[in-house]
Amino acid sequence: MSRRTIDQLLQDARARLDRLEPLAAHDEAAHGALLVDTRCAEARAMSGVIAGSVHVPLSILFWRLDPTSGFDDRSLSDPARRIILVCADGYSSSLAAATLRDLGFSRATDLVGGFNGWVAAGLPIDSPT
């Protein structure tokens, strides 16, 4: 097998997703979609959080969401639910959303521009504590 670059992996992942611009993500969240913030606790403390989002660090995301893992959070592990992943700028969230699709979350996607795109769109955040 030939070596692939991260740009190729990212392009392939994004081709499988119906990525959401910030306003569309805001609207979907208002109608029941789950916003999952995968940024580290330090980034959230420094920059703030999207109101109503759930924090699941990327390092444990798949185990918390996969209902077969033995470590899932039942409030998050419904494969039929619309899941919108949020990272800082919308890169790692694309790769993670594609992996969630592989795990059976057919409605998983991510936020174009990530948290910083949300802020740039003027959407509400909760201040860091």
N, C-alpha and C. Protein backbone atom coordinates (compact mmCIF):
# COMPACT_ATOMS: atom_id res chain seq x y z
N MET A 1 0.85 -1.18 0.00
CA MET A 1 0.00 0.00 0.00
C MET A 1 0.90 1.24 0.00
N SER A 2 0.55 2.21 -0.81
CA SER A 2 1.34 3.44 -0.85
C SER A 2 0.95 4.35 0.30
N ARG A 3 1.89 5.16 0.67
CA ARG A 3 1.68 6.11 1.76
C ARG A 3 0.72 7.20 1.31
N ARG A 4 -0.20 7.57 2.19
CA ARG A 4 -1.14 8.66 1.92
C ARG A 4 -0.79 9.83 2.81
N THR A 5 -1.11 11.02 2.38
CA THR A 5 -0.85 12.21 3.17
C THR A 5 -2.07 12.56 4.01
N ILE A 6 -1.86 13.39 5.00
CA ILE A 6 -2.98 13.84 5.83
C ILE A 6 -3.97 14.65 4.99
N ASP A 7 -3.47 15.40 4.01
CA ASP A 7 -4.38 16.15 3.14
C ASP A 7 -5.29 15.22 2.34
N GLN A 8 -4.76 14.08 1.90
CA GLN A 8 -5.58 13.11 1.18
C GLN A 8 -6.62 12.49 2.11
N LEU A 9 -6.21 12.15 3.31
CA LEU A 9 -7.16 11.59 4.28
C LEU A 9 -8.27 12.59 4.59
N LEU A 10 -7.88 13.85 4.76
CA LEU A 10 -8.86 14.89 5.06
C LEU A 10 -9.83 15.07 3.90
N GLN A 11 -9.32 15.11 2.70
CA GLN A 11 -10.17 15.26 1.51
C GLN A 11 -11.15 14.09 1.40
N ASP A 12 -10.67 12.87 1.61
CA ASP A 12 -11.54 11.70 1.55
C ASP A 12 -12.61 11.75 2.64
N ALA A 13 -12.22 12.15 3.84
CA ALA A 13 -13.18 12.24 4.95
C ALA A 13 -14.26 13.26 4.63
N ARG A 14 -13.85 14.42 4.19
CA ARG A 14 -14.82 15.49 3.91
C ARG A 14 -15.76 15.16 2.75
N ALA A 15 -15.29 14.34 1.81
CA ALA A 15 -16.14 13.94 0.69
C ALA A 15 -17.31 13.08 1.16
N ARG A 16 -17.17 12.48 2.33
CA ARG A 16 -18.21 11.61 2.88
C ARG A 16 -19.18 12.34 3.81
N LEU A 17 -18.92 13.61 4.07
CA LEU A 17 -19.70 14.36 5.06
C LEU A 17 -20.54 15.45 4.42
N ASP A 18 -21.63 15.79 5.06
CA ASP A 18 -22.41 16.97 4.70
C ASP A 18 -22.09 18.05 5.72
N ARG A 19 -20.89 18.59 5.61
CA ARG A 19 -20.37 19.54 6.60
C ARG A 19 -21.30 20.75 6.72
N LEU A 20 -21.36 21.32 7.91
CA LEU A 20 -22.29 22.42 8.18
C LEU A 20 -21.55 23.72 8.43
N GLU A 21 -22.01 24.77 7.78
CA GLU A 21 -21.55 26.12 8.09
C GLU A 21 -22.10 26.47 9.48
N PRO A 22 -21.49 27.43 10.16
CA PRO A 22 -21.91 27.75 11.53
C PRO A 22 -23.41 28.04 11.70
N LEU A 23 -24.01 28.83 10.84
CA LEU A 23 -25.43 29.15 11.01
C LEU A 23 -26.30 27.90 10.87
N ALA A 24 -25.96 27.02 9.94
CA ALA A 24 -26.72 25.78 9.77
C ALA A 24 -26.54 24.87 10.99
N ALA A 25 -25.33 24.81 11.53
CA ALA A 25 -25.10 24.00 12.73
C ALA A 25 -25.89 24.55 13.91
N HIS A 26 -25.91 25.86 14.03
CA HIS A 26 -26.68 26.51 15.11
C HIS A 26 -28.16 26.14 14.99
N ASP A 27 -28.68 26.19 13.77
CA ASP A 27 -30.08 25.85 13.54
C ASP A 27 -30.35 24.37 13.86
N GLU A 28 -29.47 23.49 13.41
CA GLU A 28 -29.68 22.06 13.69
C GLU A 28 -29.60 21.77 15.19
N ALA A 29 -28.69 22.44 15.88
CA ALA A 29 -28.58 22.25 17.33
C ALA A 29 -29.86 22.71 18.02
N ALA A 30 -30.45 23.78 17.53
CA ALA A 30 -31.71 24.27 18.10
C ALA A 30 -32.85 23.28 17.88
N HIS A 31 -32.67 22.38 16.92
CA HIS A 31 -33.71 21.39 16.61
C HIS A 31 -33.29 19.97 16.99
N GLY A 32 -32.38 19.84 17.96
CA GLY A 32 -32.09 18.54 18.53
C GLY A 32 -30.76 17.89 18.18
N ALA A 33 -30.01 18.46 17.26
CA ALA A 33 -28.70 17.88 16.97
C ALA A 33 -27.78 18.08 18.18
N LEU A 34 -26.85 17.18 18.35
CA LEU A 34 -25.92 17.24 19.46
C LEU A 34 -24.60 17.82 18.99
N LEU A 35 -24.21 18.95 19.56
CA LEU A 35 -22.90 19.55 19.29
C LEU A 35 -21.91 18.96 20.28
N VAL A 36 -20.86 18.33 19.75
CA VAL A 36 -19.84 17.72 20.59
C VAL A 36 -18.53 18.46 20.38
N ASP A 37 -18.06 19.10 21.43
CA ASP A 37 -16.81 19.87 21.39
C ASP A 37 -15.67 18.93 21.76
N THR A 38 -14.76 18.69 20.81
CA THR A 38 -13.66 17.75 21.04
C THR A 38 -12.37 18.44 21.48
N ARG A 39 -12.41 19.76 21.66
CA ARG A 39 -11.19 20.48 22.06
C ARG A 39 -10.79 20.11 23.48
N CYS A 40 -9.53 20.29 23.80
CA CYS A 40 -9.05 19.99 25.14
C CYS A 40 -9.64 20.98 26.14
N ALA A 41 -9.62 20.60 27.40
CA ALA A 41 -10.17 21.44 28.46
C ALA A 41 -9.48 22.80 28.51
N GLU A 42 -8.18 22.83 28.26
CA GLU A 42 -7.43 24.09 28.30
C GLU A 42 -7.91 25.07 27.23
N ALA A 43 -8.15 24.57 26.02
CA ALA A 43 -8.64 25.43 24.94
C ALA A 43 -10.03 25.96 25.27
N ARG A 44 -10.87 25.11 25.83
CA ARG A 44 -12.21 25.54 26.20
C ARG A 44 -12.16 26.60 27.29
N ALA A 45 -11.27 26.41 28.27
CA ALA A 45 -11.15 27.38 29.36
C ALA A 45 -10.62 28.72 28.85
N MET A 46 -9.75 28.68 27.87
CA MET A 46 -9.16 29.90 27.34
C MET A 46 -10.10 30.65 26.39
N SER A 47 -10.81 29.91 25.54
CA SER A 47 -11.59 30.54 24.47
C SER A 47 -13.08 30.59 24.70
N GLY A 48 -13.58 29.76 25.60
CA GLY A 48 -15.01 29.67 25.81
C GLY A 48 -15.58 28.44 25.14
N VAL A 49 -16.88 28.28 25.26
CA VAL A 49 -17.55 27.10 24.73
C VAL A 49 -18.84 27.51 24.02
N ILE A 50 -19.25 26.68 23.11
CA ILE A 50 -20.54 26.88 22.46
C ILE A 50 -21.62 26.48 23.45
N ALA A 51 -22.52 27.39 23.71
CA ALA A 51 -23.60 27.13 24.65
C ALA A 51 -24.36 25.87 24.22
N GLY A 52 -24.56 24.97 25.17
CA GLY A 52 -25.30 23.75 24.90
C GLY A 52 -24.48 22.61 24.35
N SER A 53 -23.22 22.85 24.05
CA SER A 53 -22.38 21.76 23.53
C SER A 53 -21.97 20.83 24.67
N VAL A 54 -21.60 19.62 24.29
CA VAL A 54 -21.13 18.62 25.23
C VAL A 54 -19.64 18.44 25.00
N HIS A 55 -18.87 18.37 26.07
CA HIS A 55 -17.43 18.19 25.94
C HIS A 55 -17.08 16.71 25.98
N VAL A 56 -16.50 16.24 24.88
CA VAL A 56 -15.94 14.89 24.81
C VAL A 56 -14.60 15.02 24.10
N PRO A 57 -13.50 14.96 24.84
CA PRO A 57 -12.19 15.12 24.21
C PRO A 57 -11.98 14.08 23.10
N LEU A 58 -11.28 14.49 22.08
CA LEU A 58 -11.04 13.62 20.94
C LEU A 58 -10.41 12.30 21.34
N SER A 59 -9.57 12.31 22.38
CA SER A 59 -8.87 11.10 22.79
C SER A 59 -9.80 9.99 23.26
N ILE A 60 -11.03 10.33 23.68
CA ILE A 60 -11.97 9.30 24.15
C ILE A 60 -13.28 9.31 23.37
N LEU A 61 -13.38 10.13 22.35
CA LEU A 61 -14.64 10.32 21.61
C LEU A 61 -15.26 9.01 21.16
N PHE A 62 -14.50 8.17 20.48
CA PHE A 62 -15.08 6.96 19.87
C PHE A 62 -15.57 5.99 20.93
N TRP A 63 -14.89 5.90 22.05
CA TRP A 63 -15.32 5.01 23.12
C TRP A 63 -16.58 5.53 23.81
N ARG A 64 -16.72 6.84 23.94
CA ARG A 64 -17.91 7.40 24.60
C ARG A 64 -19.15 7.30 23.70
N LEU A 65 -18.96 7.35 22.38
CA LEU A 65 -20.10 7.32 21.49
C LEU A 65 -20.46 5.93 21.00
N ASP A 66 -19.51 5.03 20.83
CA ASP A 66 -19.81 3.70 20.30
C ASP A 66 -20.53 2.87 21.36
N PRO A 67 -21.80 2.51 21.12
CA PRO A 67 -22.56 1.77 22.12
C PRO A 67 -22.02 0.37 22.39
N THR A 68 -21.10 -0.12 21.56
CA THR A 68 -20.54 -1.46 21.78
C THR A 68 -19.20 -1.42 22.51
N SER A 69 -18.71 -0.25 22.85
CA SER A 69 -17.36 -0.12 23.41
C SER A 69 -17.23 -0.59 24.86
N GLY A 70 -18.33 -0.58 25.57
CA GLY A 70 -18.27 -0.88 26.99
C GLY A 70 -17.94 0.35 27.83
N PHE A 71 -17.66 1.46 27.18
CA PHE A 71 -17.32 2.72 27.86
C PHE A 71 -18.19 3.87 27.36
N ASP A 72 -19.29 3.54 26.69
CA ASP A 72 -20.11 4.59 26.09
C ASP A 72 -20.90 5.35 27.14
N ASP A 73 -21.27 6.56 26.76
CA ASP A 73 -22.16 7.41 27.55
C ASP A 73 -23.52 7.29 26.87
N ARG A 74 -24.46 6.67 27.54
CA ARG A 74 -25.77 6.39 26.92
C ARG A 74 -26.49 7.65 26.44
N SER A 75 -26.16 8.79 27.00
CA SER A 75 -26.80 10.03 26.54
C SER A 75 -26.22 10.50 25.21
N LEU A 76 -25.11 9.88 24.78
CA LEU A 76 -24.44 10.28 23.54
C LEU A 76 -24.39 9.19 22.48
N SER A 77 -24.66 7.96 22.85
CA SER A 77 -24.34 6.82 21.98
C SER A 77 -25.49 6.30 21.13
N ASP A 78 -26.38 7.19 20.69
CA ASP A 78 -27.46 6.80 19.79
C ASP A 78 -26.99 7.02 18.35
N PRO A 79 -26.69 5.96 17.60
CA PRO A 79 -26.18 6.12 16.24
C PRO A 79 -27.16 6.83 15.29
N ALA A 80 -28.44 6.90 15.65
CA ALA A 80 -29.41 7.56 14.77
C ALA A 80 -29.44 9.08 14.98
N ARG A 81 -28.86 9.55 16.06
CA ARG A 81 -28.90 10.98 16.37
C ARG A 81 -27.94 11.78 15.48
N ARG A 82 -28.31 12.99 15.18
CA ARG A 82 -27.44 13.89 14.42
C ARG A 82 -26.35 14.38 15.37
N ILE A 83 -25.11 14.10 15.03
CA ILE A 83 -23.95 14.51 15.82
C ILE A 83 -23.15 15.50 14.98
N ILE A 84 -22.83 16.66 15.56
CA ILE A 84 -22.01 17.67 14.90
C ILE A 84 -20.76 17.87 15.75
N LEU A 85 -19.63 17.46 15.21
CA LEU A 85 -18.37 17.59 15.94
C LEU A 85 -17.76 18.96 15.72
N VAL A 86 -17.14 19.47 16.79
CA VAL A 86 -16.51 20.78 16.77
C VAL A 86 -15.09 20.64 17.33
N CYS A 87 -14.12 21.09 16.55
CA CYS A 87 -12.74 21.21 17.04
C CYS A 87 -12.38 22.69 16.93
N ALA A 88 -11.14 23.03 16.99
CA ALA A 88 -10.76 24.45 16.93
C ALA A 88 -11.02 25.06 15.57
N ASP A 89 -10.59 24.39 14.50
CA ASP A 89 -10.68 25.00 13.17
C ASP A 89 -11.36 24.13 12.11
N GLY A 90 -11.84 22.95 12.47
CA GLY A 90 -12.57 22.13 11.52
C GLY A 90 -11.73 21.13 10.75
N TYR A 91 -10.60 20.72 11.28
CA TYR A 91 -9.77 19.72 10.62
C TYR A 91 -9.90 18.36 11.30
N SER A 92 -9.52 18.28 12.57
CA SER A 92 -9.60 16.99 13.26
C SER A 92 -11.06 16.54 13.38
N SER A 93 -11.99 17.47 13.43
CA SER A 93 -13.40 17.10 13.53
C SER A 93 -13.88 16.41 12.25
N SER A 94 -13.32 16.77 11.10
CA SER A 94 -13.70 16.10 9.85
C SER A 94 -13.27 14.64 9.88
N LEU A 95 -12.02 14.41 10.29
CA LEU A 95 -11.51 13.04 10.37
C LEU A 95 -12.32 12.22 11.39
N ALA A 96 -12.64 12.84 12.52
CA ALA A 96 -13.40 12.14 13.56
C ALA A 96 -14.83 11.85 13.12
N ALA A 97 -15.46 12.78 12.41
CA ALA A 97 -16.82 12.55 11.93
C ALA A 97 -16.85 11.41 10.93
N ALA A 98 -15.85 11.32 10.07
CA ALA A 98 -15.78 10.22 9.11
C ALA A 98 -15.62 8.89 9.86
N THR A 99 -14.84 8.88 10.92
CA THR A 99 -14.68 7.66 11.72
C THR A 99 -16.00 7.29 12.40
N LEU A 100 -16.73 8.29 12.90
CA LEU A 100 -18.04 8.00 13.49
C LEU A 100 -18.97 7.38 12.45
N ARG A 101 -18.89 7.87 11.22
CA ARG A 101 -19.70 7.25 10.15
C ARG A 101 -19.33 5.78 10.00
N ASP A 102 -18.04 5.48 10.05
CA ASP A 102 -17.60 4.08 9.97
C ASP A 102 -18.14 3.26 11.13
N LEU A 103 -18.38 3.89 12.26
CA LEU A 103 -18.92 3.21 13.45
C LEU A 103 -20.45 3.13 13.43
N GLY A 104 -21.07 3.59 12.35
CA GLY A 104 -22.52 3.47 12.21
C GLY A 104 -23.31 4.73 12.49
N PHE A 105 -22.64 5.84 12.77
CA PHE A 105 -23.33 7.11 13.01
C PHE A 105 -23.52 7.80 11.66
N SER A 106 -24.54 7.39 10.93
CA SER A 106 -24.73 7.81 9.54
C SER A 106 -25.04 9.30 9.40
N ARG A 107 -25.40 9.95 10.48
CA ARG A 107 -25.72 11.38 10.42
C ARG A 107 -24.63 12.26 11.04
N ALA A 108 -23.49 11.66 11.37
CA ALA A 108 -22.39 12.43 11.95
C ALA A 108 -21.78 13.37 10.91
N THR A 109 -21.39 14.55 11.37
CA THR A 109 -20.73 15.52 10.51
C THR A 109 -19.91 16.45 11.39
N ASP A 110 -19.43 17.53 10.79
CA ASP A 110 -18.66 18.49 11.59
C ASP A 110 -18.96 19.91 11.15
N LEU A 111 -18.42 20.83 11.92
CA LEU A 111 -18.64 22.25 11.75
C LEU A 111 -17.52 22.85 10.91
N VAL A 112 -17.86 23.42 9.78
CA VAL A 112 -16.88 24.11 8.93
C VAL A 112 -16.27 25.26 9.73
N GLY A 113 -14.96 25.29 9.83
CA GLY A 113 -14.28 26.35 10.57
C GLY A 113 -14.17 26.10 12.05
N GLY A 114 -14.81 25.05 12.54
CA GLY A 114 -14.74 24.70 13.95
C GLY A 114 -15.21 25.81 14.88
N PHE A 115 -14.74 25.77 16.11
CA PHE A 115 -15.11 26.76 17.11
C PHE A 115 -14.79 28.17 16.62
N ASN A 116 -13.64 28.33 16.00
CA ASN A 116 -13.25 29.67 15.52
C ASN A 116 -14.18 30.17 14.43
N GLY A 117 -14.69 29.28 13.60
CA GLY A 117 -15.69 29.67 12.59
C GLY A 117 -17.00 30.08 13.23
N TRP A 118 -17.38 29.39 14.29
CA TRP A 118 -18.60 29.72 15.05
C TRP A 118 -18.47 31.14 15.61
N VAL A 119 -17.33 31.41 16.23
CA VAL A 119 -17.09 32.74 16.82
C VAL A 119 -17.09 33.81 15.73
N ALA A 120 -16.42 33.54 14.61
CA ALA A 120 -16.35 34.50 13.50
C ALA A 120 -17.73 34.80 12.92
N ALA A 121 -18.65 33.83 13.01
CA ALA A 121 -20.01 34.04 12.52
C ALA A 121 -20.87 34.82 13.52
N GLY A 122 -20.31 35.14 14.68
CA GLY A 122 -21.02 35.93 15.67
C GLY A 122 -22.05 35.14 16.46
N LEU A 123 -21.91 33.82 16.50
CA LEU A 123 -22.86 32.98 17.21
C LEU A 123 -22.50 32.94 18.69
N PRO A 124 -23.48 32.63 19.55
CA PRO A 124 -23.27 32.74 21.00
C PRO A 124 -22.30 31.70 21.56
N ILE A 125 -21.47 32.18 22.47
CA ILE A 125 -20.60 31.30 23.24
C ILE A 125 -20.73 31.68 24.71
N ASP A 126 -20.41 30.73 25.54
CA ASP A 126 -20.31 31.00 26.96
C ASP A 126 -18.87 31.36 27.25
N SER A 127 -18.68 32.39 28.04
CA SER A 127 -17.31 32.84 28.38
C SER A 127 -16.59 31.79 29.18
N PRO A 128 -15.26 31.79 29.06
CA PRO A 128 -14.48 30.85 29.87
C PRO A 128 -14.67 31.17 31.34
N THR A 129 -14.58 30.13 32.14
CA THR A 129 -14.75 30.34 33.59
C THR A 129 -13.42 30.43 34.28
